[in-house]
Amino acid sequence: MPIYEFKCEKCKIVFEVLQKFSDPDPLCGCGSEVKKMISLNSFRLKGDGWFKDGYSRRKENG
């Protein structure tokens, strides 16, 4: 599950929540609604197969 960042517009607190995409947005501790923030992610392909198995340059026939 991804970690989402939320910001309360009333008290300006920023917090993170581990939740499914389909889960409703949480409420702030003050009871106000929050906005989901756009944040960076760190997606990295590790292990065998990503580059050498189909994602490298195509070999020319010849």
C-alpha atoms as a PDB file:
ATOM      1  CA  MET A   1       0.000   0.000   0.000  1.00  0.00           C
ATOM      2  CA  PRO A   2       1.246   3.499  -0.742  1.00  0.00           C
ATOM      3  CA  ILE A   3       1.905   6.219   1.794  1.00  0.00           C
ATOM      4  CA  TYR A   4      -0.085   9.403   1.148  1.00  0.00           C
ATOM      5  CA  GLU A   5       0.620  12.874   2.531  1.00  0.00           C
ATOM      6  CA  PHE A   6      -2.281  15.016   3.695  1.00  0.00           C
ATOM      7  CA  LYS A   7      -2.495  18.642   4.803  1.00  0.00           C
ATOM      8  CA  CYS A   8      -5.130  20.224   6.999  1.00  0.00           C
ATOM      9  CA  GLU A   9      -6.177  23.608   5.619  1.00  0.00           C
ATOM     10  CA  LYS A  10      -7.383  24.760   9.036  1.00  0.00           C
ATOM     11  CA  CYS A  11      -4.386  24.021  11.285  1.00  0.00           C
ATOM     12  CA  LYS A  12      -1.754  23.509   8.511  1.00  0.00           C
ATOM     13  CA  ILE A  13      -0.571  20.158   9.906  1.00  0.00           C
ATOM     14  CA  VAL A  14       0.961  17.744   7.374  1.00  0.00           C
ATOM     15  CA  PHE A  15       0.794  14.006   8.079  1.00  0.00           C
ATOM     16  CA  GLU A  16       1.270  10.676   6.305  1.00  0.00           C
ATOM     17  CA  VAL A  17      -1.144   7.743   6.107  1.00  0.00           C
ATOM     18  CA  LEU A  18      -0.554   4.221   4.802  1.00  0.00           C
ATOM     19  CA  GLN A  19      -3.790   3.357   2.985  1.00  0.00           C
ATOM     20  CA  LYS A  20      -5.340   1.890  -0.138  1.00  0.00           C
ATOM     21  CA  PHE A  21      -6.150   4.192  -3.058  1.00  0.00           C
ATOM     22  CA  SER A  22      -9.847   3.371  -2.600  1.00  0.00           C
ATOM     23  CA  ASP A  23      -9.899   4.308   1.118  1.00  0.00           C
ATOM     24  CA  PRO A  24     -11.575   7.608   2.021  1.00  0.00           C
ATOM     25  CA  ASP A  25      -9.363  10.522   3.046  1.00  0.00           C
ATOM     26  CA  PRO A  26      -8.856  10.699   6.819  1.00  0.00           C
ATOM     27  CA  LEU A  27      -9.869  13.603   9.025  1.00  0.00           C
ATOM     28  CA  CYS A  28      -7.324  15.778  10.787  1.00  0.00           C
ATOM     29  CA  GLY A  29      -6.935  15.541  14.556  1.00  0.00           C
ATOM     30  CA  CYS A  30      -8.831  18.833  14.805  1.00  0.00           C
ATOM     31  CA  GLY A  31     -11.789  17.243  12.965  1.00  0.00           C
ATOM     32  CA  SER A  32     -11.349  19.183   9.717  1.00  0.00           C
ATOM     33  CA  GLU A  33     -11.169  17.682   6.257  1.00  0.00           C
ATOM     34  CA  VAL A  34      -7.733  17.389   4.652  1.00  0.00           C
ATOM     35  CA  LYS A  35      -6.312  17.679   1.125  1.00  0.00           C
ATOM     36  CA  LYS A  36      -4.123  15.014  -0.431  1.00  0.00           C
ATOM     37  CA  MET A  37      -0.730  16.466  -1.332  1.00  0.00           C
ATOM     38  CA  ILE A  38       1.366  15.632  -4.360  1.00  0.00           C
ATOM     39  CA  SER A  39       4.628  14.137  -3.172  1.00  0.00           C
ATOM     40  CA  LEU A  40       7.664  12.407  -4.607  1.00  0.00           C
ATOM     41  CA  ASN A  41       7.960   8.681  -4.810  1.00  0.00           C
ATOM     42  CA  SER A  42      10.970   6.435  -5.017  1.00  0.00           C
ATOM     43  CA  PHE A  43      10.118   3.722  -7.515  1.00  0.00           C
ATOM     44  CA  ARG A  44      13.123   1.676  -8.516  1.00  0.00           C
ATOM     45  CA  LEU A  45      13.368  -1.441 -10.647  1.00  0.00           C
ATOM     46  CA  LYS A  46      15.674  -3.924  -8.950  1.00  0.00           C
ATOM     47  CA  GLY A  47      16.709  -7.436  -9.786  1.00  0.00           C
ATOM     48  CA  ASP A  48      17.157  -9.407 -12.947  1.00  0.00           C
ATOM     49  CA  GLY A  49      15.026  -9.118 -16.009  1.00  0.00           C
ATOM     50  CA  TRP A  50      14.114  -5.469 -16.335  1.00  0.00           C
ATOM     51  CA  PHE A  51      16.822  -4.295 -18.698  1.00  0.00           C
ATOM     52  CA  LYS A  52      18.144  -7.437 -20.291  1.00  0.00           C
ATOM     53  CA  ASP A  53      14.785  -9.174 -20.812  1.00  0.00           C
ATOM     54  CA  GLY A  54      12.873  -7.002 -23.236  1.00  0.00           C
ATOM     55  CA  TYR A  55      13.678  -3.449 -22.224  1.00  0.00           C
ATOM     56  CA  SER A  56      17.089  -3.104 -23.832  1.00  0.00           C
ATOM     57  CA  ARG A  57      17.795  -2.088 -27.410  1.00  0.00           C
ATOM     58  CA  ARG A  58      16.422  -4.463 -29.976  1.00  0.00           C
ATOM     59  CA  LYS A  59      18.939  -6.761 -31.589  1.00  0.00           C
ATOM     60  CA  GLU A  60      19.225  -6.355 -35.328  1.00  0.00           C
ATOM     61  CA  ASN A  61      18.768  -9.452 -37.471  1.00  0.00           C
ATOM     62  CA  GLY A  62      21.770 -10.174 -39.541  1.00  0.00           C
END
